[in-house]
Amino acid sequence: MARNYFHLHLISDATGETLIAVSRAVIAQYDAVESIEHLYPFVRSPMQLEKAIDEIDEAPGVVLFTLIDKDLTRRLVAACHELNVPCHSVLQPIADLFRAYLGSPGAARPGAQHTLNAYYFNRVEALNYTMLHDDGQMTDDYDAADVLLLGVSRTSKTPTSIYLANRGIKTANIPIVPNVPLPKTIFSLQKPLIVGLITSADRLVAVRQQRLDASQTRFDSTYVDPVAVSEEVVQSRRLFSHYGWPVIDVTRRSIEETAAAIISLYKTHRAKLGLAEQPR
């Protein structure tokens, strides 16, 4: 069955877990539709919001948000109206219902739905680390990661990393780009679990083509060339095999399924290192 893809922008002043859960529950009702998630957690300033709006402009799609700040909300709604993209507050209809029934509004506290315990702070720390180490950024402290994901472009590295971070797992991801060497530091890492993500060349071409259609960014001519893409997949397989890194084929897996497989590998990895299981 051919699958249709669309961009889904999730903007939150907290971790974004509520948005992820709600949106995926709805998307699960559509057999032939899959979202390309763009998560923006801890958006609490105009500058952070403008960055998200710029990315919505580059890849238009559905926008869901949980923002308490009224000024940020008004700016986001106005921007989405200008860009002609659908925009919806996930919590507002429920808040309105409670307000009507209880006769008073609740306190406007960003992220108040989360209990401030060790579990919550563990996830916040993991999310901060993961966002800073997305797409090959900040290569000097990979040893602080719990998991390091490798894969060619559009193998769901970022959404998988964010999902793992929401489980308290510090995750960095590095793109495998033709003729661009990987950071040398990763080959001597001991603590992080290194996992290779792969997908079929056909799916890769389809997803990349959709990205080209939705973006004004210029890409190399080989980016969607079937022969070149097939060679990328083959080379990444060889790399993972050479270093003995576990491989997960994400072709027919949801983000949740991929993350579950990684978490299982991670628990085994920690056990081999003699490390206690982290609280989740």
Protein backbone atom coordinates (compact mmCIF):
# COMPACT_ATOMS: atom_id res chain seq x y z
CA MET A 1 0.00 0.00 0.00
CA ALA A 2 1.39 3.40 -1.00
CA ARG A 3 1.81 5.75 1.95
CA ASN A 4 1.20 9.47 1.99
CA TYR A 5 3.42 11.71 4.09
CA PHE A 6 2.76 15.11 5.61
CA HIS A 7 4.66 17.49 7.86
CA LEU A 8 3.44 17.73 11.45
CA HIS A 9 4.75 20.57 13.60
CA LEU A 10 4.39 20.13 17.38
CA ILE A 11 5.09 23.27 19.41
CA SER A 12 5.13 23.05 23.20
CA ASP A 13 6.22 25.16 26.16
CA ALA A 14 7.09 21.89 27.94
CA THR A 15 8.44 18.54 26.70
CA GLY A 16 5.87 18.04 23.93
CA GLU A 17 4.87 14.63 25.26
CA THR A 18 1.18 15.55 25.27
CA LEU A 19 1.30 16.62 21.63
CA ILE A 20 3.17 13.48 20.61
CA ALA A 21 0.67 11.20 22.33
CA VAL A 22 -2.42 12.97 20.97
CA SER A 23 -1.19 13.34 17.39
CA ARG A 24 0.01 9.75 17.12
CA ALA A 25 -3.26 8.43 18.52
CA VAL A 26 -5.07 10.22 15.70
CA ILE A 27 -2.60 9.31 12.96
CA ALA A 28 -2.89 5.65 13.95
CA GLN A 29 -6.43 5.75 12.53
CA TYR A 30 -5.03 6.30 9.03
CA ASP A 31 -3.44 3.22 7.49
CA ALA A 32 -1.94 4.96 4.47
CA VAL A 33 -0.76 8.18 6.13
CA GLU A 34 2.46 8.87 8.01
CA SER A 35 3.62 12.11 9.56
CA ILE A 36 7.05 13.69 9.39
CA GLU A 37 7.32 15.07 12.91
CA HIS A 38 8.97 18.36 13.77
CA LEU A 39 9.03 18.79 17.56
CA TYR A 40 9.80 22.14 19.23
CA PRO A 41 9.91 21.63 23.02
CA PHE A 42 10.32 24.36 25.67
CA VAL A 43 9.21 27.20 23.40
CA ARG A 44 8.87 30.05 25.89
CA SER A 45 10.33 33.07 24.11
CA PRO A 46 9.53 34.99 20.91
CA MET A 47 12.91 34.03 19.45
CA GLN A 48 12.26 30.31 19.97
CA LEU A 49 8.82 30.65 18.43
CA GLU A 50 10.11 32.54 15.38
CA LYS A 51 12.56 29.72 14.69
CA ALA A 52 9.68 27.25 14.69
CA ILE A 53 7.62 29.52 12.41
CA ASP A 54 10.53 29.69 9.95
CA GLU A 55 10.62 25.89 9.79
CA ILE A 56 6.85 25.73 9.28
CA ASP A 57 7.29 28.11 6.37
CA GLU A 58 9.95 25.81 4.86
CA ALA A 59 7.90 22.64 5.33
CA PRO A 60 4.17 23.53 5.55
CA GLY A 61 1.86 21.10 7.30
CA VAL A 62 -0.40 20.65 10.30
CA VAL A 63 0.55 22.69 13.40
CA LEU A 64 -0.47 21.55 16.88
CA PHE A 65 0.56 23.42 19.99
CA THR A 66 0.33 23.65 23.76
CA LEU A 67 1.31 27.20 24.69
CA ILE A 68 0.13 28.99 27.81
CA ASP A 69 1.59 32.41 26.98
CA LYS A 70 -1.14 34.42 25.22
CA ASP A 71 1.27 36.60 23.23
CA LEU A 72 3.09 33.56 21.86
CA THR A 73 -0.22 31.93 21.04
CA ARG A 74 -1.49 34.97 19.16
CA ARG A 75 1.75 35.24 17.19
CA LEU A 76 1.69 31.55 16.22
CA VAL A 77 -1.97 31.63 15.16
CA ALA A 78 -1.41 34.79 13.10
CA ALA A 79 1.67 33.33 11.42
CA CYS A 80 -0.13 30.10 10.55
CA HIS A 81 -2.99 32.14 9.09
CA GLU A 82 -0.51 34.07 6.93
CA LEU A 83 1.14 30.82 5.80
CA ASN A 84 -2.27 29.22 5.17
CA VAL A 85 -1.55 26.16 7.32
CA PRO A 86 -3.96 24.59 9.84
CA CYS A 87 -3.15 25.43 13.46
CA HIS A 88 -4.82 24.07 16.61
CA SER A 89 -4.35 24.31 20.37
CA VAL A 90 -4.63 20.79 21.78
CA LEU A 91 -5.33 21.77 25.39
CA GLN A 92 -7.55 24.82 24.86
CA PRO A 93 -10.85 22.98 24.11
CA ILE A 94 -10.38 20.88 27.25
CA ALA A 95 -9.40 23.95 29.30
CA ASP A 96 -12.55 25.73 28.07
CA LEU A 97 -14.66 22.77 29.12
CA PHE A 98 -13.15 22.73 32.61
CA ARG A 99 -13.50 26.50 32.92
CA ALA A 100 -17.20 26.32 32.02
CA TYR A 101 -17.85 23.49 34.47
CA LEU A 102 -15.69 24.71 37.38
CA GLY A 103 -16.51 28.38 36.93
CA SER A 104 -12.94 29.66 36.98
CA PRO A 105 -9.77 29.42 34.83
CA GLY A 106 -6.78 27.41 35.93
CA ALA A 107 -3.38 28.89 36.72
CA ALA A 108 -1.40 29.66 33.56
CA ARG A 109 1.73 27.64 34.27
CA PRO A 110 3.73 26.30 31.29
CA GLY A 111 4.32 22.56 31.65
CA ALA A 112 2.16 22.36 34.77
CA GLN A 113 0.81 18.99 33.61
CA HIS A 114 4.15 17.43 34.54
CA THR A 115 5.03 16.52 38.10
CA LEU A 116 8.40 18.02 38.99
CA ASN A 117 10.09 14.83 40.13
CA ALA A 118 13.37 13.09 39.27
CA TYR A 119 11.74 11.40 36.30
CA TYR A 120 10.65 14.73 34.84
CA PHE A 121 14.03 16.41 35.31
CA ASN A 122 15.76 13.37 33.83
CA ARG A 123 13.68 13.79 30.68
CA VAL A 124 14.32 17.54 30.55
CA GLU A 125 18.07 16.95 30.74
CA ALA A 126 17.84 14.27 28.05
CA LEU A 127 15.81 16.56 25.78
CA ASN A 128 18.26 19.43 26.19
CA TYR A 129 21.18 17.16 25.32
CA THR A 130 19.35 15.62 22.38
CA MET A 131 18.30 18.93 20.84
CA LEU A 132 21.90 20.22 21.08
CA HIS A 133 23.27 17.07 19.45
CA ASP A 134 20.83 16.74 16.58
CA ASP A 135 22.11 16.13 13.05
CA GLY A 136 25.80 15.88 13.89
CA GLN A 137 26.07 18.99 16.06
CA MET A 138 28.47 19.36 19.02
CA THR A 139 30.68 16.35 18.38
CA ASP A 140 33.01 16.88 21.33
CA ASP A 141 30.95 15.24 24.07
CA TYR A 142 29.34 12.17 22.52
CA ASP A 143 30.62 10.14 25.45
CA ALA A 144 27.90 11.79 27.56
CA ALA A 145 25.23 10.25 25.31
CA ASP A 146 23.29 7.14 26.18
CA VAL A 147 22.53 6.34 22.55
CA LEU A 148 24.13 7.47 19.29
CA LEU A 149 22.09 7.00 16.09
CA LEU A 150 23.68 6.85 12.65
CA GLY A 151 21.94 6.80 9.30
CA VAL A 152 21.71 8.41 5.90
CA SER A 153 19.43 11.39 5.39
CA ARG A 154 15.71 10.81 6.15
CA THR A 155 15.98 7.61 8.18
CA SER A 156 13.96 9.10 11.07
CA LYS A 157 17.00 9.87 13.21
CA THR A 158 15.67 13.12 14.69
CA PRO A 159 12.11 12.03 15.61
CA THR A 160 13.49 8.78 17.04
CA SER A 161 16.03 10.76 19.08
CA ILE A 162 13.32 13.04 20.46
CA TYR A 163 11.13 10.06 21.36
CA LEU A 164 14.02 8.44 23.24
CA ALA A 165 14.80 11.72 24.99
CA ASN A 166 11.20 11.83 26.19
CA ARG A 167 11.99 8.52 27.87
CA GLY A 168 15.01 10.09 29.59
CA ILE A 169 17.61 8.68 27.19
CA LYS A 170 20.23 11.18 26.03
CA THR A 171 20.43 10.63 22.29
CA ALA A 172 22.74 12.13 19.68
CA ASN A 173 22.38 11.48 15.97
CA ILE A 174 24.80 11.81 13.08
CA PRO A 175 23.94 11.82 9.37
CA ILE A 176 25.94 9.62 7.04
CA VAL A 177 26.73 11.82 4.05
CA PRO A 178 28.58 10.54 0.94
CA ASN A 179 32.25 11.57 0.92
CA VAL A 180 31.96 13.20 4.36
CA PRO A 181 33.92 11.37 7.09
CA LEU A 182 32.26 10.61 10.39
CA PRO A 183 33.68 12.23 13.55
CA LYS A 184 36.71 10.19 14.63
CA THR A 185 35.64 10.34 18.26
CA ILE A 186 32.76 7.92 17.75
CA PHE A 187 35.05 4.98 16.95
CA SER A 188 36.53 4.94 20.46
CA LEU A 189 33.29 5.40 22.40
CA GLN A 190 32.52 2.82 25.09
CA LYS A 191 29.55 4.10 27.08
CA PRO A 192 26.99 5.03 24.40
CA LEU A 193 25.09 2.40 22.46
CA ILE A 194 25.68 3.05 18.74
CA VAL A 195 22.82 2.00 16.47
CA GLY A 196 22.56 2.17 12.69
CA LEU A 197 19.22 3.06 11.10
CA ILE A 198 18.48 1.94 7.56
CA THR A 199 15.50 1.93 5.25
CA SER A 200 14.71 0.71 1.76
CA ALA A 201 16.02 2.78 -1.13
CA ASP A 202 12.51 3.10 -2.61
CA ARG A 203 11.09 4.60 0.58
CA LEU A 204 14.12 6.84 0.94
CA VAL A 205 13.66 8.26 -2.53
CA ALA A 206 9.94 8.87 -1.88
CA VAL A 207 10.53 10.66 1.44
CA ARG A 208 13.37 12.74 0.06
CA GLN A 209 11.33 13.72 -2.98
CA GLN A 210 8.56 14.90 -0.71
CA ARG A 211 11.05 16.98 1.23
CA LEU A 212 12.29 18.52 -2.02
CA ASP A 213 8.74 19.33 -3.07
CA ALA A 214 7.97 21.02 0.27
CA SER A 215 11.24 22.90 0.67
CA GLN A 216 13.05 25.69 -1.11
CA THR A 217 16.40 24.25 -0.04
CA ARG A 218 18.74 23.12 -2.78
CA PHE A 219 20.09 19.57 -2.68
CA ASP A 220 22.72 17.71 -4.65
CA SER A 221 21.34 16.08 -7.80
CA THR A 222 22.07 12.62 -6.36
CA TYR A 223 19.82 13.26 -3.35
CA VAL A 224 16.84 11.50 -4.99
CA ASP A 225 18.66 9.56 -7.71
CA PRO A 226 17.61 5.89 -7.23
CA VAL A 227 21.05 4.50 -8.10
CA ALA A 228 22.89 6.91 -5.82
CA VAL A 229 20.41 6.38 -2.98
CA SER A 230 20.76 2.59 -3.29
CA GLU A 231 24.52 2.97 -3.03
CA GLU A 232 24.12 5.12 0.11
CA VAL A 233 22.05 2.38 1.74
CA VAL A 234 24.57 -0.32 0.78
CA GLN A 235 27.50 1.69 2.09
CA SER A 236 25.77 2.42 5.39
CA ARG A 237 25.05 -1.30 5.84
CA ARG A 238 28.71 -2.08 5.22
CA LEU A 239 29.78 0.54 7.74
CA PHE A 240 27.50 -0.84 10.45
CA SER A 241 28.58 -4.40 9.74
CA HIS A 242 32.29 -3.49 9.80
CA TYR A 243 32.08 -2.00 13.28
CA GLY A 244 29.57 -4.52 14.61
CA TRP A 245 26.94 -1.90 15.37
CA PRO A 246 23.37 -3.18 15.69
CA VAL A 247 21.11 -2.24 12.78
CA ILE A 248 17.39 -1.44 12.75
CA ASP A 249 15.45 -1.33 9.49
CA VAL A 250 12.89 1.47 9.86
CA THR A 251 11.19 0.88 6.50
CA ARG A 252 8.01 -0.56 7.99
CA ARG A 253 8.43 0.55 11.59
CA SER A 254 6.74 3.41 13.37
CA ILE A 255 8.87 5.73 15.50
CA GLU A 256 7.51 3.99 18.59
CA GLU A 257 8.51 0.56 17.29
CA THR A 258 11.99 1.75 16.37
CA ALA A 259 12.42 3.36 19.78
CA ALA A 260 11.20 0.23 21.56
CA ALA A 261 13.81 -1.85 19.73
CA ILE A 262 16.53 0.65 20.63
CA ILE A 263 15.48 0.71 24.29
CA SER A 264 15.72 -3.10 24.40
CA LEU A 265 19.23 -2.96 22.92
CA TYR A 266 20.12 -0.16 25.32
CA LYS A 267 19.11 -2.17 28.38
CA THR A 268 21.27 -5.08 27.20
CA HIS A 269 24.14 -2.71 26.48
CA ARG A 270 24.01 -1.19 29.97
CA ALA A 271 23.86 -4.63 31.54
CA LYS A 272 27.03 -5.63 29.67
CA LEU A 273 28.75 -2.51 30.99
CA GLY A 274 27.61 -3.34 34.52
CA LEU A 275 25.53 -0.20 34.80
CA ALA A 276 22.29 0.00 36.72
CA GLU A 277 19.12 0.63 34.73
CA GLN A 278 18.24 4.31 34.64
CA PRO A 279 14.91 5.49 36.08
CA ARG A 280 12.34 6.18 33.36
